Amino acid sequence: MNAGQSLVAKRLEGKVALITGGASGIGESTARLFVKHGAKVLIADIQDELGHSLCKELGTPDFISYIHCDVTCETDVQNAVDLAVSEYGKLDIMFNNAGIPGDLEIRAITSDIENFKRVLDVNVFGAFLGAKHAARVMIPAKKGCILFTASVASLVCLGISHAYTTSKHAVVGMTKSLSVELGEYGIRVNCISPHAVVTPLLQKTLGILDKRKGEEILSTTAVLKGTILEPEDVAQAALFLASDEAKYLSGVNLPVDGGYSLNNPTWKTGLQNCNENIQPS
């Protein structure tokens, strides 16, 4: 392999990344991909057993490590950022990926207020704390990349819980606001809006034990046929946004949804029904 090929293969060589919710699902896939591309990674999560197991599998503490972190606790988030800097010397990438769907409540009048608050605490407040403390160490360095995991629910109404939908709209708004403020310091801020991915968390939420069954259910509503959205696909989007290839992208909400948010099935169905009912005279 020549030098040019090596450079392409290691798109995050020399960079340090902190990933919240990095012990499973999208976060785990991103941690694996970032390490593969030369980054030193700190996983922050509350799933201690999974986090330590992943670190043991992927390498030595020189390249990947774990810290227990509840993103709703500012001290935990501050400690995670400080550990990344003390262990690896800096922080280049902050991926605020931790999130919860909350209860599947679709009726406002029957929604549990404590559930609503909990979803916003994790998905919005937790993400903001990650950005706040990442900015604290990135501003003096005059560079950095802050990422968020949003959702296709920030782009189109899906008939899912108001708490989750609200939280993901807030994440997109926070992305745009921070990109303007932090751009002055050379810090890029972007978010990713994936369609539903059959992760262990989604399976638990929907009560689907069989991963393949979950994928079949999602594929029936997909716009892009013949393929399934997997955590690795979202990780690839994070890799691109975190790399120097995206050096002038900031304030972007990147859909990874196979065109789903562009589709209006109600309108299409209505037109089809209308055409079927119109008989030639």
C-alpha atoms as a PDB file:
ATOM      1  CA  MET A   1       0.000   0.000   0.000  1.00  0.00           C
ATOM      2  CA  ASN A   2       1.437   3.367  -0.981  1.00  0.00           C
ATOM      3  CA  ALA A   3       1.266   6.561   1.058  1.00  0.00           C
ATOM      4  CA  GLY A   4      -1.755   7.888  -0.835  1.00  0.00           C
ATOM      5  CA  GLN A   5      -3.746   4.731  -0.235  1.00  0.00           C
ATOM      6  CA  SER A   6      -2.792   4.736   3.440  1.00  0.00           C
ATOM      7  CA  LEU A   7      -4.014   8.329   3.815  1.00  0.00           C
ATOM      8  CA  VAL A   8      -7.383   7.460   2.301  1.00  0.00           C
ATOM      9  CA  ALA A   9      -7.718   4.383   4.492  1.00  0.00           C
ATOM     10  CA  LYS A  10      -7.104   6.374   7.709  1.00  0.00           C
ATOM     11  CA  ARG A  11      -9.447   9.338   7.413  1.00  0.00           C
ATOM     12  CA  LEU A  12      -9.239  10.207  11.133  1.00  0.00           C
ATOM     13  CA  GLU A  13      -5.533   9.558  11.686  1.00  0.00           C
ATOM     14  CA  GLY A  14      -4.276  11.529  14.683  1.00  0.00           C
ATOM     15  CA  LYS A  15      -7.735  12.676  15.796  1.00  0.00           C
ATOM     16  CA  VAL A  16      -9.378  12.141  19.196  1.00  0.00           C
ATOM     17  CA  ALA A  17     -13.096  11.417  19.447  1.00  0.00           C
ATOM     18  CA  LEU A  18     -15.547  11.190  22.326  1.00  0.00           C
ATOM     19  CA  ILE A  19     -18.767   9.271  21.599  1.00  0.00           C
ATOM     20  CA  THR A  20     -21.702   9.325  24.002  1.00  0.00           C
ATOM     21  CA  GLY A  21     -23.941   6.299  23.858  1.00  0.00           C
ATOM     22  CA  GLY A  22     -20.961   4.556  22.319  1.00  0.00           C
ATOM     23  CA  ALA A  23     -21.367   1.119  23.878  1.00  0.00           C
ATOM     24  CA  SER A  24     -24.125  -0.155  21.589  1.00  0.00           C
ATOM     25  CA  GLY A  25     -26.115   0.559  18.445  1.00  0.00           C
ATOM     26  CA  ILE A  26     -25.076   3.496  16.278  1.00  0.00           C
ATOM     27  CA  GLY A  27     -22.498   4.611  18.836  1.00  0.00           C
ATOM     28  CA  GLU A  28     -20.803   1.221  18.900  1.00  0.00           C
ATOM     29  CA  SER A  29     -20.643   1.053  15.104  1.00  0.00           C
ATOM     30  CA  THR A  30     -19.189   4.555  15.007  1.00  0.00           C
ATOM     31  CA  ALA A  31     -16.568   3.716  17.624  1.00  0.00           C
ATOM     32  CA  ARG A  32     -15.499   0.692  15.598  1.00  0.00           C
ATOM     33  CA  LEU A  33     -15.291   2.708  12.390  1.00  0.00           C
ATOM     34  CA  PHE A  34     -13.444   5.637  13.969  1.00  0.00           C
ATOM     35  CA  VAL A  35     -10.818   3.312  15.456  1.00  0.00           C
ATOM     36  CA  LYS A  36     -10.445   1.617  12.078  1.00  0.00           C
ATOM     37  CA  HIS A  37      -9.737   5.016  10.560  1.00  0.00           C
ATOM     38  CA  GLY A  38      -7.010   5.898  13.018  1.00  0.00           C
ATOM     39  CA  ALA A  39      -8.852   7.855  15.717  1.00  0.00           C
ATOM     40  CA  LYS A  40      -8.317   7.490  19.431  1.00  0.00           C
ATOM     41  CA  VAL A  41     -11.771   7.012  20.941  1.00  0.00           C
ATOM     42  CA  LEU A  42     -13.295   7.490  24.372  1.00  0.00           C
ATOM     43  CA  ILE A  43     -16.667   5.793  24.787  1.00  0.00           C
ATOM     44  CA  ALA A  44     -19.047   7.436  27.264  1.00  0.00           C
ATOM     45  CA  ASP A  45     -22.105   5.426  28.271  1.00  0.00           C
ATOM     46  CA  ILE A  46     -24.049   4.010  31.216  1.00  0.00           C
ATOM     47  CA  GLN A  47     -23.754   0.446  29.899  1.00  0.00           C
ATOM     48  CA  ASP A  48     -20.528  -0.348  31.690  1.00  0.00           C
ATOM     49  CA  GLU A  49     -20.252  -4.035  30.827  1.00  0.00           C
ATOM     50  CA  LEU A  50     -20.836  -3.435  27.120  1.00  0.00           C
ATOM     51  CA  GLY A  51     -18.459  -0.466  27.086  1.00  0.00           C
ATOM     52  CA  HIS A  52     -15.576  -2.311  28.716  1.00  0.00           C
ATOM     53  CA  SER A  53     -16.157  -5.365  26.515  1.00  0.00           C
ATOM     54  CA  LEU A  54     -16.034  -3.260  23.351  1.00  0.00           C
ATOM     55  CA  CYS A  55     -12.798  -1.596  24.429  1.00  0.00           C
ATOM     56  CA  LYS A  56     -11.224  -4.960  25.192  1.00  0.00           C
ATOM     57  CA  GLU A  57     -12.237  -6.229  21.764  1.00  0.00           C
ATOM     58  CA  LEU A  58     -11.023  -3.211  19.790  1.00  0.00           C
ATOM     59  CA  GLY A  59      -7.614  -2.596  21.299  1.00  0.00           C
ATOM     60  CA  THR A  60      -5.512  -1.146  24.068  1.00  0.00           C
ATOM     61  CA  PRO A  61      -6.241   1.917  26.255  1.00  0.00           C
ATOM     62  CA  ASP A  62      -3.773   3.793  24.039  1.00  0.00           C
ATOM     63  CA  PHE A  63      -6.436   3.787  21.311  1.00  0.00           C
ATOM     64  CA  ILE A  64      -9.819   3.242  22.967  1.00  0.00           C
ATOM     65  CA  SER A  65     -11.152   3.586  26.496  1.00  0.00           C
ATOM     66  CA  TYR A  66     -14.418   3.817  28.398  1.00  0.00           C
ATOM     67  CA  ILE A  67     -15.942   6.068  31.024  1.00  0.00           C
ATOM     68  CA  HIS A  68     -19.278   5.789  32.791  1.00  0.00           C
ATOM     69  CA  CYS A  69     -21.296   8.848  31.824  1.00  0.00           C
ATOM     70  CA  ASP A  70     -24.908   9.846  32.380  1.00  0.00           C
ATOM     71  CA  VAL A  71     -25.313  12.644  29.841  1.00  0.00           C
ATOM     72  CA  THR A  72     -27.948  14.353  31.991  1.00  0.00           C
ATOM     73  CA  CYS A  73     -25.332  14.882  34.720  1.00  0.00           C
ATOM     74  CA  GLU A  74     -23.054  17.817  33.912  1.00  0.00           C
ATOM     75  CA  THR A  75     -20.276  16.530  36.166  1.00  0.00           C
ATOM     76  CA  ASP A  76     -20.226  13.220  34.270  1.00  0.00           C
ATOM     77  CA  VAL A  77     -20.029  14.987  30.909  1.00  0.00           C
ATOM     78  CA  GLN A  78     -17.343  17.379  32.125  1.00  0.00           C
ATOM     79  CA  ASN A  79     -15.310  14.454  33.472  1.00  0.00           C
ATOM     80  CA  ALA A  80     -15.613  12.596  30.160  1.00  0.00           C
ATOM     81  CA  VAL A  81     -14.318  15.573  28.173  1.00  0.00           C
ATOM     82  CA  ASP A  82     -11.515  16.151  30.667  1.00  0.00           C
ATOM     83  CA  LEU A  83     -10.529  12.470  30.511  1.00  0.00           C
ATOM     84  CA  ALA A  84     -10.321  12.572  26.723  1.00  0.00           C
ATOM     85  CA  VAL A  85      -7.959  15.531  26.938  1.00  0.00           C
ATOM     86  CA  SER A  86      -5.848  14.096  29.761  1.00  0.00           C
ATOM     87  CA  GLU A  87      -5.584  10.642  28.153  1.00  0.00           C
ATOM     88  CA  TYR A  88      -5.101  11.653  24.530  1.00  0.00           C
ATOM     89  CA  GLY A  89      -3.960  15.277  24.704  1.00  0.00           C
ATOM     90  CA  LYS A  90      -6.903  16.957  22.944  1.00  0.00           C
ATOM     91  CA  LEU A  91     -10.469  16.551  21.658  1.00  0.00           C
ATOM     92  CA  ASP A  92     -11.151  16.844  17.933  1.00  0.00           C
ATOM     93  CA  ILE A  93     -14.564  15.185  17.603  1.00  0.00           C
ATOM     94  CA  MET A  94     -17.500  15.207  20.009  1.00  0.00           C
ATOM     95  CA  PHE A  95     -20.303  12.913  18.857  1.00  0.00           C
ATOM     96  CA  ASN A  96     -23.385  13.508  21.004  1.00  0.00           C
ATOM     97  CA  ASN A  97     -25.120  10.288  20.100  1.00  0.00           C
ATOM     98  CA  ALA A  98     -26.770   9.181  23.361  1.00  0.00           C
ATOM     99  CA  GLY A  99     -30.539   9.222  23.190  1.00  0.00           C
ATOM    100  CA  ILE A 100     -33.724   7.445  24.227  1.00  0.00           C
ATOM    101  CA  PRO A 101     -37.085   7.018  22.473  1.00  0.00           C
ATOM    102  CA  GLY A 102     -39.119   7.175  25.651  1.00  0.00           C
ATOM    103  CA  ASP A 103     -42.570   5.622  25.889  1.00  0.00           C
ATOM    104  CA  LEU A 104     -44.545   5.194  22.687  1.00  0.00           C
ATOM    105  CA  GLU A 105     -47.154   7.803  23.531  1.00  0.00           C
ATOM    106  CA  ILE A 106     -48.840   9.328  20.498  1.00  0.00           C
ATOM    107  CA  ARG A 107     -51.749  11.115  22.197  1.00  0.00           C
ATOM    108  CA  ALA A 108     -50.893  14.409  23.870  1.00  0.00           C
ATOM    109  CA  ILE A 109     -53.771  14.251  26.335  1.00  0.00           C
ATOM    110  CA  THR A 110     -52.663  10.865  27.643  1.00  0.00           C
ATOM    111  CA  SER A 111     -48.926  11.541  27.661  1.00  0.00           C
ATOM    112  CA  ASP A 112     -46.951  11.120  30.864  1.00  0.00           C
ATOM    113  CA  ILE A 113     -45.226  14.378  31.766  1.00  0.00           C
ATOM    114  CA  GLU A 114     -42.318  12.675  33.515  1.00  0.00           C
ATOM    115  CA  ASN A 115     -41.617  10.622  30.393  1.00  0.00           C
ATOM    116  CA  PHE A 116     -41.662  13.806  28.279  1.00  0.00           C
ATOM    117  CA  LYS A 117     -39.174  15.483  30.616  1.00  0.00           C
ATOM    118  CA  ARG A 118     -36.910  12.441  30.684  1.00  0.00           C
ATOM    119  CA  VAL A 119     -36.708  12.252  26.876  1.00  0.00           C
ATOM    120  CA  LEU A 120     -35.828  15.942  26.620  1.00  0.00           C
ATOM    121  CA  ASP A 121     -33.312  15.618  29.462  1.00  0.00           C
ATOM    122  CA  VAL A 122     -31.371  12.885  27.647  1.00  0.00           C
ATOM    123  CA  ASN A 123     -31.854  13.865  24.013  1.00  0.00           C
ATOM    124  CA  VAL A 124     -31.620  17.657  24.288  1.00  0.00           C
ATOM    125  CA  PHE A 125     -30.107  18.699  27.603  1.00  0.00           C
ATOM    126  CA  GLY A 126     -27.587  15.839  27.498  1.00  0.00           C
ATOM    127  CA  ALA A 127     -26.583  16.732  23.955  1.00  0.00           C
ATOM    128  CA  PHE A 128     -26.206  20.386  24.905  1.00  0.00           C
ATOM    129  CA  LEU A 129     -23.942  19.493  27.834  1.00  0.00           C
ATOM    130  CA  GLY A 130     -21.741  17.502  25.466  1.00  0.00           C
ATOM    131  CA  ALA A 131     -21.502  20.445  23.088  1.00  0.00           C
ATOM    132  CA  LYS A 132     -20.881  22.908  25.922  1.00  0.00           C
ATOM    133  CA  HIS A 133     -17.940  21.024  27.374  1.00  0.00           C
ATOM    134  CA  ALA A 134     -16.533  20.080  23.985  1.00  0.00           C
ATOM    135  CA  ALA A 135     -16.568  23.762  23.053  1.00  0.00           C
ATOM    136  CA  ARG A 136     -14.765  24.547  26.310  1.00  0.00           C
ATOM    137  CA  VAL A 137     -11.694  22.657  25.108  1.00  0.00           C
ATOM    138  CA  MET A 138     -12.093  23.221  21.371  1.00  0.00           C
ATOM    139  CA  ILE A 139     -12.337  27.024  21.466  1.00  0.00           C
ATOM    140  CA  PRO A 140      -8.735  27.513  22.677  1.00  0.00           C
ATOM    141  CA  ALA A 141      -7.582  25.080  19.955  1.00  0.00           C
ATOM    142  CA  LYS A 142      -9.500  27.066  17.304  1.00  0.00           C
ATOM    143  CA  LYS A 143     -10.785  23.855  15.700  1.00  0.00           C
ATOM    144  CA  GLY A 144     -13.029  20.879  16.269  1.00  0.00           C
ATOM    145  CA  CYS A 145     -16.097  18.987  15.128  1.00  0.00           C
ATOM    146  CA  ILE A 146     -19.308  18.550  17.131  1.00  0.00           C
ATOM    147  CA  LEU A 147     -21.883  16.046  15.890  1.00  0.00           C
ATOM    148  CA  PHE A 148     -25.379  15.143  17.038  1.00  0.00           C
ATOM    149  CA  THR A 149     -27.661  12.226  16.267  1.00  0.00           C
ATOM    150  CA  ALA A 150     -31.035  13.663  15.327  1.00  0.00           C
ATOM    151  CA  SER A 151     -33.682  11.658  13.453  1.00  0.00           C
ATOM    152  CA  VAL A 152     -35.851  11.525  10.375  1.00  0.00           C
ATOM    153  CA  ALA A 153     -38.511  12.609  12.884  1.00  0.00           C
ATOM    154  CA  SER A 154     -36.925  16.068  12.639  1.00  0.00           C
ATOM    155  CA  LEU A 155     -37.878  16.155   8.957  1.00  0.00           C
ATOM    156  CA  VAL A 156     -41.292  14.516   8.730  1.00  0.00           C
ATOM    157  CA  CYS A 157     -44.088  13.581  11.153  1.00  0.00           C
ATOM    158  CA  LEU A 158     -44.160   9.832  11.674  1.00  0.00           C
ATOM    159  CA  GLY A 159     -46.968   9.415  14.178  1.00  0.00           C
ATOM    160  CA  ILE A 160     -44.540   8.610  16.981  1.00  0.00           C
ATOM    161  CA  SER A 161     -44.282  10.158  20.431  1.00  0.00           C
ATOM    162  CA  HIS A 162     -44.410  13.936  20.738  1.00  0.00           C
ATOM    163  CA  ALA A 163     -41.552  13.847  23.242  1.00  0.00           C
ATOM    164  CA  TYR A 164     -39.141  12.142  20.840  1.00  0.00           C
ATOM    165  CA  THR A 165     -40.196  14.248  17.853  1.00  0.00           C
ATOM    166  CA  THR A 166     -39.852  17.457  19.839  1.00  0.00           C
ATOM    167  CA  SER A 167     -36.430  16.460  21.130  1.00  0.00           C
ATOM    168  CA  LYS A 168     -35.054  15.777  17.663  1.00  0.00           C
ATOM    169  CA  HIS A 169     -36.365  19.066  16.269  1.00  0.00           C
ATOM    170  CA  ALA A 170     -34.608  20.747  19.186  1.00  0.00           C
ATOM    171  CA  VAL A 171     -31.342  18.978  18.349  1.00  0.00           C
ATOM    172  CA  VAL A 172     -31.484  20.309  14.792  1.00  0.00           C
ATOM    173  CA  GLY A 173     -32.161  23.827  16.061  1.00  0.00           C
ATOM    174  CA  MET A 174     -29.260  23.514  18.492  1.00  0.00           C
ATOM    175  CA  THR A 175     -27.000  22.358  15.649  1.00  0.00           C
ATOM    176  CA  LYS A 176     -27.796  25.444  13.610  1.00  0.00           C
ATOM    177  CA  SER A 177     -27.455  27.838  16.538  1.00  0.00           C
ATOM    178  CA  LEU A 178     -24.128  26.399  17.692  1.00  0.00           C
ATOM    179  CA  SER A 179     -22.706  26.294  14.171  1.00  0.00           C
ATOM    180  CA  VAL A 180     -23.125  30.060  13.924  1.00  0.00           C
ATOM    181  CA  GLU A 181     -21.620  30.798  17.332  1.00  0.00           C
ATOM    182  CA  LEU A 182     -18.746  28.333  17.192  1.00  0.00           C
ATOM    183  CA  GLY A 183     -17.833  28.925  13.555  1.00  0.00           C
ATOM    184  CA  GLU A 184     -15.902  31.949  14.780  1.00  0.00           C
ATOM    185  CA  TYR A 185     -13.481  29.526  16.427  1.00  0.00           C
ATOM    186  CA  GLY A 186     -13.155  27.139  13.483  1.00  0.00           C
ATOM    187  CA  ILE A 187     -15.495  24.596  15.074  1.00  0.00           C
ATOM    188  CA  ARG A 188     -17.929  22.785  12.782  1.00  0.00           C
ATOM    189  CA  VAL A 189     -21.318  21.612  14.116  1.00  0.00           C
ATOM    190  CA  ASN A 190     -23.536  19.168  12.224  1.00  0.00           C
ATOM    191  CA  CYS A 191     -26.166  16.526  12.860  1.00  0.00           C
ATOM    192  CA  ILE A 192     -27.319  13.285  11.266  1.00  0.00           C
ATOM    193  CA  SER A 193     -30.972  12.309  10.810  1.00  0.00           C
ATOM    194  CA  PRO A 194     -31.254   8.572  10.225  1.00  0.00           C
ATOM    195  CA  HIS A 195     -34.396   6.643   9.461  1.00  0.00           C
ATOM    196  CA  ALA A 196     -35.230   3.900  11.963  1.00  0.00           C
ATOM    197  CA  VAL A 197     -32.355   1.494  12.554  1.00  0.00           C
ATOM    198  CA  VAL A 198     -33.009  -1.903  14.119  1.00  0.00           C
ATOM    199  CA  THR A 199     -30.742  -1.529  17.133  1.00  0.00           C
ATOM    200  CA  PRO A 200     -31.187  -3.396  20.444  1.00  0.00           C
ATOM    201  CA  LEU A 201     -32.776  -0.225  21.859  1.00  0.00           C
ATOM    202  CA  LEU A 202     -35.374  -0.056  19.080  1.00  0.00           C
ATOM    203  CA  GLN A 203     -36.099  -3.767  19.380  1.00  0.00           C
ATOM    204  CA  LYS A 204     -36.713  -3.355  23.103  1.00  0.00           C
ATOM    205  CA  THR A 205     -38.911  -0.305  22.570  1.00  0.00           C
ATOM    206  CA  LEU A 206     -41.065  -1.992  19.920  1.00  0.00           C
ATOM    207  CA  GLY A 207     -41.036  -5.412  21.572  1.00  0.00           C
ATOM    208  CA  ILE A 208     -39.451  -7.055  18.519  1.00  0.00           C
ATOM    209  CA  LEU A 209     -37.193  -9.957  19.452  1.00  0.00           C
ATOM    210  CA  ASP A 210     -36.196 -10.973  15.919  1.00  0.00           C
ATOM    211  CA  LYS A 211     -33.904  -8.389  14.278  1.00  0.00           C
ATOM    212  CA  ARG A 212     -34.715  -9.670  10.795  1.00  0.00           C
ATOM    213  CA  LYS A 213     -38.438  -9.309  11.467  1.00  0.00           C
ATOM    214  CA  GLY A 214     -37.859  -5.702  12.490  1.00  0.00           C
ATOM    215  CA  GLU A 215     -35.955  -5.038   9.277  1.00  0.00           C
ATOM    216  CA  GLU A 216     -38.779  -6.569   7.236  1.00  0.00           C
ATOM    217  CA  ILE A 217     -41.311  -4.295   8.919  1.00  0.00           C
ATOM    218  CA  LEU A 218     -39.233  -1.186   8.211  1.00  0.00           C
ATOM    219  CA  SER A 219     -38.518  -2.187   4.620  1.00  0.00           C
ATOM    220  CA  THR A 220     -42.238  -2.210   3.787  1.00  0.00           C
ATOM    221  CA  THR A 221     -42.390   1.565   4.286  1.00  0.00           C
ATOM    222  CA  ALA A 222     -38.992   2.367   2.794  1.00  0.00           C
ATOM    223  CA  VAL A 223     -38.657   4.542  -0.306  1.00  0.00           C
ATOM    224  CA  LEU A 224     -35.282   3.077  -1.252  1.00  0.00           C
ATOM    225  CA  LYS A 225     -35.854  -0.621  -1.864  1.00  0.00           C
ATOM    226  CA  GLY A 226     -33.389  -3.469  -2.011  1.00  0.00           C
ATOM    227  CA  THR A 227     -31.286  -2.440   0.980  1.00  0.00           C
ATOM    228  CA  ILE A 228     -31.600  -2.067   4.761  1.00  0.00           C
ATOM    229  CA  LEU A 229     -30.406   0.838   6.878  1.00  0.00           C
ATOM    230  CA  GLU A 230     -27.889  -0.451   9.426  1.00  0.00           C
ATOM    231  CA  PRO A 231     -25.939   1.242  12.232  1.00  0.00           C
ATOM    232  CA  GLU A 232     -22.815   1.084  10.068  1.00  0.00           C
ATOM    233  CA  ASP A 233     -24.480   3.331   7.486  1.00  0.00           C
ATOM    234  CA  VAL A 234     -25.040   6.048  10.073  1.00  0.00           C
ATOM    235  CA  ALA A 235     -21.463   5.568  11.283  1.00  0.00           C
ATOM    236  CA  GLN A 236     -20.244   6.185   7.726  1.00  0.00           C
ATOM    237  CA  ALA A 237     -22.135   9.494   7.691  1.00  0.00           C
ATOM    238  CA  ALA A 238     -20.513  10.431  11.009  1.00  0.00           C
ATOM    239  CA  LEU A 239     -17.097   9.498   9.608  1.00  0.00           C
ATOM    240  CA  PHE A 240     -17.597  11.785   6.629  1.00  0.00           C
ATOM    241  CA  LEU A 241     -18.789  14.743   8.710  1.00  0.00           C
ATOM    242  CA  ALA A 242     -15.958  14.255  11.214  1.00  0.00           C
ATOM    243  CA  SER A 243     -13.272  13.999   8.539  1.00  0.00           C
ATOM    244  CA  ASP A 244     -11.396  16.768   6.769  1.00  0.00           C
ATOM    245  CA  GLU A 245     -13.368  15.904   3.639  1.00  0.00           C
ATOM    246  CA  ALA A 246     -16.257  17.837   5.201  1.00  0.00           C
ATOM    247  CA  LYS A 247     -14.084  20.776   6.253  1.00  0.00           C
ATOM    248  CA  TYR A 248     -16.568  23.403   5.005  1.00  0.00           C
ATOM    249  CA  LEU A 249     -19.774  21.713   6.104  1.00  0.00           C
ATOM    250  CA  SER A 250     -21.375  23.226   9.188  1.00  0.00           C
ATOM    251  CA  GLY A 251     -24.957  23.692  10.324  1.00  0.00           C
ATOM    252  CA  VAL A 252     -26.059  20.718   8.219  1.00  0.00           C
ATOM    253  CA  ASN A 253     -28.784  18.232   9.086  1.00  0.00           C
ATOM    254  CA  LEU A 254     -27.783  15.220   6.975  1.00  0.00           C
ATOM    255  CA  PRO A 255     -30.643  12.779   6.257  1.00  0.00           C
ATOM    256  CA  VAL A 256     -29.676   9.112   6.108  1.00  0.00           C
ATOM    257  CA  ASP A 257     -33.142   7.934   5.206  1.00  0.00           C
ATOM    258  CA  GLY A 258     -33.093   6.664   1.623  1.00  0.00           C
ATOM    259  CA  GLY A 259     -35.289   9.545   0.517  1.00  0.00           C
ATOM    260  CA  TYR A 260     -38.034   8.757   3.048  1.00  0.00           C
ATOM    261  CA  SER A 261     -38.431  12.365   4.204  1.00  0.00           C
ATOM    262  CA  LEU A 262     -39.070  13.456   0.600  1.00  0.00           C
ATOM    263  CA  ASN A 263     -42.030  11.126   0.197  1.00  0.00           C
ATOM    264  CA  ASN A 264     -45.700  11.906   0.802  1.00  0.00           C
ATOM    265  CA  PRO A 265     -47.505   8.550   0.817  1.00  0.00           C
ATOM    266  CA  THR A 266     -50.857  10.112   1.742  1.00  0.00           C
ATOM    267  CA  TRP A 267     -50.769  12.372  -1.322  1.00  0.00           C
ATOM    268  CA  LYS A 268     -49.682   9.522  -3.579  1.00  0.00           C
ATOM    269  CA  THR A 269     -52.396   7.218  -2.256  1.00  0.00           C
ATOM    270  CA  GLY A 270     -54.980   9.949  -2.712  1.00  0.00           C
ATOM    271  CA  LEU A 271     -53.983  10.479  -6.331  1.00  0.00           C
ATOM    272  CA  GLN A 272     -54.062   6.755  -7.019  1.00  0.00           C
ATOM    273  CA  ASN A 273     -57.522   6.431  -5.508  1.00  0.00           C
ATOM    274  CA  CYS A 274     -58.703   9.465  -7.478  1.00  0.00           C
ATOM    275  CA  ASN A 275     -57.409   8.022 -10.759  1.00  0.00           C
ATOM    276  CA  GLU A 276     -59.027   4.684 -10.042  1.00  0.00           C
ATOM    277  CA  ASN A 277     -62.390   6.355  -9.408  1.00  0.00           C
ATOM    278  CA  ILE A 278     -62.294   8.420 -12.576  1.00  0.00           C
ATOM    279  CA  GLN A 279     -63.732   6.382 -15.396  1.00  0.00           C
ATOM    280  CA  PRO A 280     -63.237   7.477 -19.024  1.00  0.00           C
ATOM    281  CA  SER A 281     -66.446   8.838 -20.545  1.00  0.00           C
END
